[in-house]
Amino acid sequence: MEVKPKHKQDDAHAAQEGAGSDASDAAPSTTGTESDPLAELQRQVEERQQAYVRVLADFQNFQRRARENESRAREIGISFVARAIVPVLENMDVALGHNLRSLPADKLADGVTLLRTELLKALAQCGVDRIDPAAGDEFNPMLHEAVLEQPTSAVPAGRIAQCMQAGYRLGDVPLRPAKVAVARAAT
């Protein structure tokens, strides 16, 4: 076997190739300052998922607190009305405890009138107002229910001729409209 002498050029070229391959092998290794893009995306996805879970939990807590507050407000409102009406009920019980058959009719009527006044006062404390239109008042379909037309010359046509039954409202919300007769021109 014959050994060929090496050329210095071949040695230099091989050294450059070796150095180049060493440099390219070293490039993919990362230092502490750079990170893998896939790992970074996974970290961001995980952060967003955790944020979503926190927001969802906060919203569910908000819904639960809203239901509890609504229930509590309803109970407070009902108790307010009950406290206003219970004294009227107690006065009725006192009246019924007497022998009503032995009372004169005028005393019995006075007692019923007093109870009615107390009940209206209790309703007023709760914000309930009576709708009791007078003859000649303007007809308002939000507050009045026309049950009949009444021919009359005393009241202009289209206005209330007579209140048949009072209505009630809570603030601006009608609980029951007043039942009225609406005037129409007499023929």
C-alpha atoms as a PDB file:
ATOM      1  CA  MET A   1       0.000   0.000   0.000  1.00  0.00           C
ATOM      2  CA  GLU A   2       1.245   3.271  -0.937  1.00  0.00           C
ATOM      3  CA  VAL A   3       0.670   6.311   1.165  1.00  0.00           C
ATOM      4  CA  LYS A   4       0.069   9.472  -0.673  1.00  0.00           C
ATOM      5  CA  PRO A   5       1.594  12.546   0.673  1.00  0.00           C
ATOM      6  CA  LYS A   6      -0.930  15.026   1.954  1.00  0.00           C
ATOM      7  CA  HIS A   7      -1.061  18.430   0.520  1.00  0.00           C
ATOM      8  CA  LYS A   8      -1.110  21.378   2.771  1.00  0.00           C
ATOM      9  CA  GLN A   9      -4.064  22.657   0.858  1.00  0.00           C
ATOM     10  CA  ASP A  10      -6.131  19.566   1.611  1.00  0.00           C
ATOM     11  CA  ASP A  11      -5.257  19.887   5.283  1.00  0.00           C
ATOM     12  CA  ALA A  12      -6.328  23.529   5.354  1.00  0.00           C
ATOM     13  CA  HIS A  13      -9.577  22.742   3.559  1.00  0.00           C
ATOM     14  CA  ALA A  14     -10.386  19.903   5.941  1.00  0.00           C
ATOM     15  CA  ALA A  15      -9.654  22.162   8.898  1.00  0.00           C
ATOM     16  CA  GLN A  16     -12.038  24.793   7.560  1.00  0.00           C
ATOM     17  CA  GLU A  17     -14.775  22.209   7.009  1.00  0.00           C
ATOM     18  CA  GLY A  18     -14.302  20.853  10.494  1.00  0.00           C
ATOM     19  CA  ALA A  19     -14.392  24.305  11.993  1.00  0.00           C
ATOM     20  CA  GLY A  20     -17.500  25.145   9.984  1.00  0.00           C
ATOM     21  CA  SER A  21     -19.311  22.034  11.096  1.00  0.00           C
ATOM     22  CA  ASP A  22     -18.363  22.710  14.696  1.00  0.00           C
ATOM     23  CA  ALA A  23     -19.740  26.262  14.402  1.00  0.00           C
ATOM     24  CA  SER A  24     -22.999  25.100  12.843  1.00  0.00           C
ATOM     25  CA  ASP A  25     -23.426  22.444  15.533  1.00  0.00           C
ATOM     26  CA  ALA A  26     -22.942  25.084  18.211  1.00  0.00           C
ATOM     27  CA  ALA A  27     -25.561  27.478  16.754  1.00  0.00           C
ATOM     28  CA  PRO A  28     -28.711  25.517  17.700  1.00  0.00           C
ATOM     29  CA  SER A  29     -27.772  25.371  21.360  1.00  0.00           C
ATOM     30  CA  THR A  30     -29.487  28.219  23.137  1.00  0.00           C
ATOM     31  CA  THR A  31     -28.249  30.396  25.855  1.00  0.00           C
ATOM     32  CA  GLY A  32     -30.373  31.398  28.867  1.00  0.00           C
ATOM     33  CA  THR A  33     -31.640  34.558  27.170  1.00  0.00           C
ATOM     34  CA  GLU A  34     -33.353  32.931  24.164  1.00  0.00           C
ATOM     35  CA  SER A  35     -36.219  30.403  24.409  1.00  0.00           C
ATOM     36  CA  ASP A  36     -37.934  27.926  22.199  1.00  0.00           C
ATOM     37  CA  PRO A  37     -40.864  29.607  20.319  1.00  0.00           C
ATOM     38  CA  LEU A  38     -43.096  26.549  20.806  1.00  0.00           C
ATOM     39  CA  ALA A  39     -42.513  26.542  24.543  1.00  0.00           C
ATOM     40  CA  GLU A  40     -43.279  30.279  24.645  1.00  0.00           C
ATOM     41  CA  LEU A  41     -46.583  29.750  22.804  1.00  0.00           C
ATOM     42  CA  GLN A  42     -47.524  26.891  25.127  1.00  0.00           C
ATOM     43  CA  ARG A  43     -46.798  29.123  28.126  1.00  0.00           C
ATOM     44  CA  GLN A  44     -49.003  31.889  26.675  1.00  0.00           C
ATOM     45  CA  VAL A  45     -51.833  29.424  25.977  1.00  0.00           C
ATOM     46  CA  GLU A  46     -51.614  28.143  29.534  1.00  0.00           C
ATOM     47  CA  GLU A  47     -51.690  31.698  30.924  1.00  0.00           C
ATOM     48  CA  ARG A  48     -54.749  32.522  28.808  1.00  0.00           C
ATOM     49  CA  GLN A  49     -56.520  29.349  29.921  1.00  0.00           C
ATOM     50  CA  GLN A  50     -55.854  30.201  33.570  1.00  0.00           C
ATOM     51  CA  ALA A  51     -57.118  33.752  33.001  1.00  0.00           C
ATOM     52  CA  TYR A  52     -60.259  32.369  31.344  1.00  0.00           C
ATOM     53  CA  VAL A  53     -60.910  30.038  34.283  1.00  0.00           C
ATOM     54  CA  ARG A  54     -60.479  32.959  36.724  1.00  0.00           C
ATOM     55  CA  VAL A  55     -62.845  35.195  34.735  1.00  0.00           C
ATOM     56  CA  LEU A  56     -65.419  32.403  34.486  1.00  0.00           C
ATOM     57  CA  ALA A  57     -65.236  31.818  38.243  1.00  0.00           C
ATOM     58  CA  ASP A  58     -65.598  35.550  38.891  1.00  0.00           C
ATOM     59  CA  PHE A  59     -68.660  35.712  36.639  1.00  0.00           C
ATOM     60  CA  GLN A  60     -70.255  32.700  38.335  1.00  0.00           C
ATOM     61  CA  ASN A  61     -69.641  34.337  41.734  1.00  0.00           C
ATOM     62  CA  PHE A  62     -71.205  37.546  40.413  1.00  0.00           C
ATOM     63  CA  GLN A  63     -74.311  35.640  39.251  1.00  0.00           C
ATOM     64  CA  ARG A  64     -74.630  33.888  42.620  1.00  0.00           C
ATOM     65  CA  ARG A  65     -74.288  37.181  44.530  1.00  0.00           C
ATOM     66  CA  ALA A  66     -76.847  38.830  42.224  1.00  0.00           C
ATOM     67  CA  ARG A  67     -79.355  36.025  42.911  1.00  0.00           C
ATOM     68  CA  GLU A  68     -78.733  36.312  46.651  1.00  0.00           C
ATOM     69  CA  ASN A  69     -79.129  40.106  46.557  1.00  0.00           C
ATOM     70  CA  GLU A  70     -82.359  39.811  44.566  1.00  0.00           C
ATOM     71  CA  SER A  71     -83.752  37.288  47.022  1.00  0.00           C
ATOM     72  CA  ARG A  72     -82.739  39.443  49.983  1.00  0.00           C
ATOM     73  CA  ALA A  73     -84.301  42.557  48.405  1.00  0.00           C
ATOM     74  CA  ARG A  74     -87.544  40.651  47.757  1.00  0.00           C
ATOM     75  CA  GLU A  75     -87.669  39.498  51.385  1.00  0.00           C
ATOM     76  CA  ILE A  76     -87.002  43.020  52.650  1.00  0.00           C
ATOM     77  CA  GLY A  77     -89.766  44.408  50.400  1.00  0.00           C
ATOM     78  CA  ILE A  78     -92.259  41.796  51.535  1.00  0.00           C
ATOM     79  CA  SER A  79     -91.378  42.351  55.186  1.00  0.00           C
ATOM     80  CA  PHE A  80     -91.866  46.109  54.713  1.00  0.00           C
ATOM     81  CA  VAL A  81     -95.383  45.559  53.349  1.00  0.00           C
ATOM     82  CA  ALA A  82     -96.195  42.983  56.028  1.00  0.00           C
ATOM     83  CA  ARG A  83     -95.072  45.346  58.832  1.00  0.00           C
ATOM     84  CA  ALA A  84     -97.389  48.015  57.434  1.00  0.00           C
ATOM     85  CA  ILE A  85    -100.405  45.697  57.150  1.00  0.00           C
ATOM     86  CA  VAL A  86    -100.075  43.609  60.340  1.00  0.00           C
ATOM     87  CA  PRO A  87    -101.388  46.414  62.618  1.00  0.00           C
ATOM     88  CA  VAL A  88    -104.526  46.654  60.467  1.00  0.00           C
ATOM     89  CA  LEU A  89    -105.007  42.894  60.748  1.00  0.00           C
ATOM     90  CA  GLU A  90    -104.565  43.066  64.540  1.00  0.00           C
ATOM     91  CA  ASN A  91    -107.221  45.799  64.763  1.00  0.00           C
ATOM     92  CA  MET A  92    -109.580  43.594  62.729  1.00  0.00           C
ATOM     93  CA  ASP A  93    -108.950  40.739  65.174  1.00  0.00           C
ATOM     94  CA  VAL A  94    -109.760  43.039  68.119  1.00  0.00           C
ATOM     95  CA  ALA A  95    -112.988  44.135  66.404  1.00  0.00           C
ATOM     96  CA  LEU A  96    -113.979  40.546  65.654  1.00  0.00           C
ATOM     97  CA  GLY A  97    -113.355  39.675  69.317  1.00  0.00           C
ATOM     98  CA  HIS A  98    -116.355  41.801  70.300  1.00  0.00           C
ATOM     99  CA  ASN A  99    -119.954  40.723  69.941  1.00  0.00           C
ATOM    100  CA  LEU A 100    -120.663  42.452  66.636  1.00  0.00           C
ATOM    101  CA  ARG A 101    -124.356  41.555  66.697  1.00  0.00           C
ATOM    102  CA  SER A 102    -124.879  43.724  69.757  1.00  0.00           C
ATOM    103  CA  LEU A 103    -123.260  46.818  68.191  1.00  0.00           C
ATOM    104  CA  PRO A 104    -125.449  49.462  66.579  1.00  0.00           C
ATOM    105  CA  ALA A 105    -125.051  49.730  62.807  1.00  0.00           C
ATOM    106  CA  ASP A 106    -123.498  53.194  63.002  1.00  0.00           C
ATOM    107  CA  LYS A 107    -120.753  51.958  65.400  1.00  0.00           C
ATOM    108  CA  LEU A 108    -120.066  48.998  63.117  1.00  0.00           C
ATOM    109  CA  ALA A 109    -119.835  51.339  60.096  1.00  0.00           C
ATOM    110  CA  ASP A 110    -117.457  53.618  62.025  1.00  0.00           C
ATOM    111  CA  GLY A 111    -115.236  50.615  62.814  1.00  0.00           C
ATOM    112  CA  VAL A 112    -115.129  49.480  59.185  1.00  0.00           C
ATOM    113  CA  THR A 113    -114.353  53.060  58.060  1.00  0.00           C
ATOM    114  CA  LEU A 114    -111.507  53.252  60.595  1.00  0.00           C
ATOM    115  CA  LEU A 115    -110.052  49.941  59.370  1.00  0.00           C
ATOM    116  CA  ARG A 116    -110.310  51.120  55.761  1.00  0.00           C
ATOM    117  CA  THR A 117    -108.479  54.351  56.646  1.00  0.00           C
ATOM    118  CA  GLU A 118    -105.731  52.390  58.426  1.00  0.00           C
ATOM    119  CA  LEU A 119    -105.356  50.039  55.466  1.00  0.00           C
ATOM    120  CA  LEU A 120    -105.106  52.932  52.987  1.00  0.00           C
ATOM    121  CA  LYS A 121    -102.480  54.557  55.234  1.00  0.00           C
ATOM    122  CA  ALA A 122    -100.506  51.265  55.356  1.00  0.00           C
ATOM    123  CA  LEU A 123    -100.643  50.992  51.559  1.00  0.00           C
ATOM    124  CA  ALA A 124     -99.498  54.608  51.227  1.00  0.00           C
ATOM    125  CA  GLN A 125     -96.498  53.813  53.469  1.00  0.00           C
ATOM    126  CA  CYS A 126     -95.602  51.106  50.935  1.00  0.00           C
ATOM    127  CA  GLY A 127     -95.874  53.560  48.026  1.00  0.00           C
ATOM    128  CA  VAL A 128     -99.293  52.402  46.803  1.00  0.00           C
ATOM    129  CA  ASP A 129    -101.553  55.275  45.752  1.00  0.00           C
ATOM    130  CA  ARG A 130    -105.249  55.212  44.985  1.00  0.00           C
ATOM    131  CA  ILE A 131    -106.406  56.118  41.456  1.00  0.00           C
ATOM    132  CA  ASP A 132    -109.747  57.812  41.983  1.00  0.00           C
ATOM    133  CA  PRO A 133    -110.574  60.017  38.964  1.00  0.00           C
ATOM    134  CA  ALA A 134    -113.322  62.625  39.183  1.00  0.00           C
ATOM    135  CA  ALA A 135    -115.979  63.402  36.598  1.00  0.00           C
ATOM    136  CA  GLY A 136    -114.500  65.562  33.842  1.00  0.00           C
ATOM    137  CA  ASP A 137    -110.922  64.258  34.271  1.00  0.00           C
ATOM    138  CA  GLU A 138    -109.073  63.294  31.116  1.00  0.00           C
ATOM    139  CA  PHE A 139    -109.258  59.594  30.252  1.00  0.00           C
ATOM    140  CA  ASN A 140    -105.821  57.949  30.486  1.00  0.00           C
ATOM    141  CA  PRO A 141    -105.751  54.348  29.186  1.00  0.00           C
ATOM    142  CA  MET A 142    -102.649  53.649  31.323  1.00  0.00           C
ATOM    143  CA  LEU A 143    -104.582  54.431  34.521  1.00  0.00           C
ATOM    144  CA  HIS A 144    -108.233  53.943  33.567  1.00  0.00           C
ATOM    145  CA  GLU A 145    -110.268  51.101  32.123  1.00  0.00           C
ATOM    146  CA  ALA A 146    -113.364  52.209  30.217  1.00  0.00           C
ATOM    147  CA  VAL A 147    -116.161  49.806  31.069  1.00  0.00           C
ATOM    148  CA  LEU A 148    -118.928  51.742  29.325  1.00  0.00           C
ATOM    149  CA  GLU A 149    -119.796  54.887  27.425  1.00  0.00           C
ATOM    150  CA  GLN A 150    -122.283  57.151  29.108  1.00  0.00           C
ATOM    151  CA  PRO A 151    -124.283  59.748  27.185  1.00  0.00           C
ATOM    152  CA  THR A 152    -124.081  63.055  29.033  1.00  0.00           C
ATOM    153  CA  SER A 153    -123.983  66.763  28.338  1.00  0.00           C
ATOM    154  CA  ALA A 154    -122.374  67.616  31.707  1.00  0.00           C
ATOM    155  CA  VAL A 155    -118.926  66.327  30.663  1.00  0.00           C
ATOM    156  CA  PRO A 156    -117.148  66.759  27.312  1.00  0.00           C
ATOM    157  CA  ALA A 157    -117.062  63.629  25.140  1.00  0.00           C
ATOM    158  CA  GLY A 158    -114.039  61.384  25.692  1.00  0.00           C
ATOM    159  CA  ARG A 159    -113.620  62.458  29.324  1.00  0.00           C
ATOM    160  CA  ILE A 160    -114.463  60.496  32.454  1.00  0.00           C
ATOM    161  CA  ALA A 161    -118.153  60.724  33.287  1.00  0.00           C
ATOM    162  CA  GLN A 162    -118.081  58.547  36.418  1.00  0.00           C
ATOM    163  CA  CYS A 163    -115.625  56.423  38.429  1.00  0.00           C
ATOM    164  CA  MET A 164    -117.147  52.979  38.964  1.00  0.00           C
ATOM    165  CA  GLN A 165    -114.252  51.462  40.950  1.00  0.00           C
ATOM    166  CA  ALA A 166    -111.008  53.035  42.154  1.00  0.00           C
ATOM    167  CA  GLY A 167    -107.670  51.699  40.970  1.00  0.00           C
ATOM    168  CA  TYR A 168    -104.231  51.521  42.561  1.00  0.00           C
ATOM    169  CA  ARG A 169    -100.669  52.138  41.449  1.00  0.00           C
ATOM    170  CA  LEU A 170     -97.205  51.663  42.867  1.00  0.00           C
ATOM    171  CA  GLY A 171     -95.282  54.755  41.831  1.00  0.00           C
ATOM    172  CA  ASP A 172     -95.873  55.022  38.086  1.00  0.00           C
ATOM    173  CA  VAL A 173     -96.848  51.358  37.663  1.00  0.00           C
ATOM    174  CA  PRO A 174    -100.606  50.699  37.713  1.00  0.00           C
ATOM    175  CA  LEU A 175    -101.510  47.713  39.898  1.00  0.00           C
ATOM    176  CA  ARG A 176    -105.123  47.889  38.795  1.00  0.00           C
ATOM    177  CA  PRO A 177    -106.656  50.583  36.601  1.00  0.00           C
ATOM    178  CA  ALA A 178    -109.675  52.524  37.787  1.00  0.00           C
ATOM    179  CA  LYS A 179    -112.898  51.337  36.130  1.00  0.00           C
ATOM    180  CA  VAL A 180    -114.663  54.340  34.618  1.00  0.00           C
ATOM    181  CA  ALA A 181    -117.546  55.372  32.405  1.00  0.00           C
ATOM    182  CA  VAL A 182    -116.421  57.561  29.512  1.00  0.00           C
ATOM    183  CA  ALA A 183    -118.680  60.399  28.390  1.00  0.00           C
ATOM    184  CA  ARG A 184    -120.088  60.477  24.908  1.00  0.00           C
ATOM    185  CA  ALA A 185    -122.106  63.280  23.402  1.00  0.00           C
ATOM    186  CA  ALA A 186    -125.794  63.108  24.219  1.00  0.00           C
ATOM    187  CA  THR A 187    -127.985  62.609  21.179  1.00  0.00           C
END
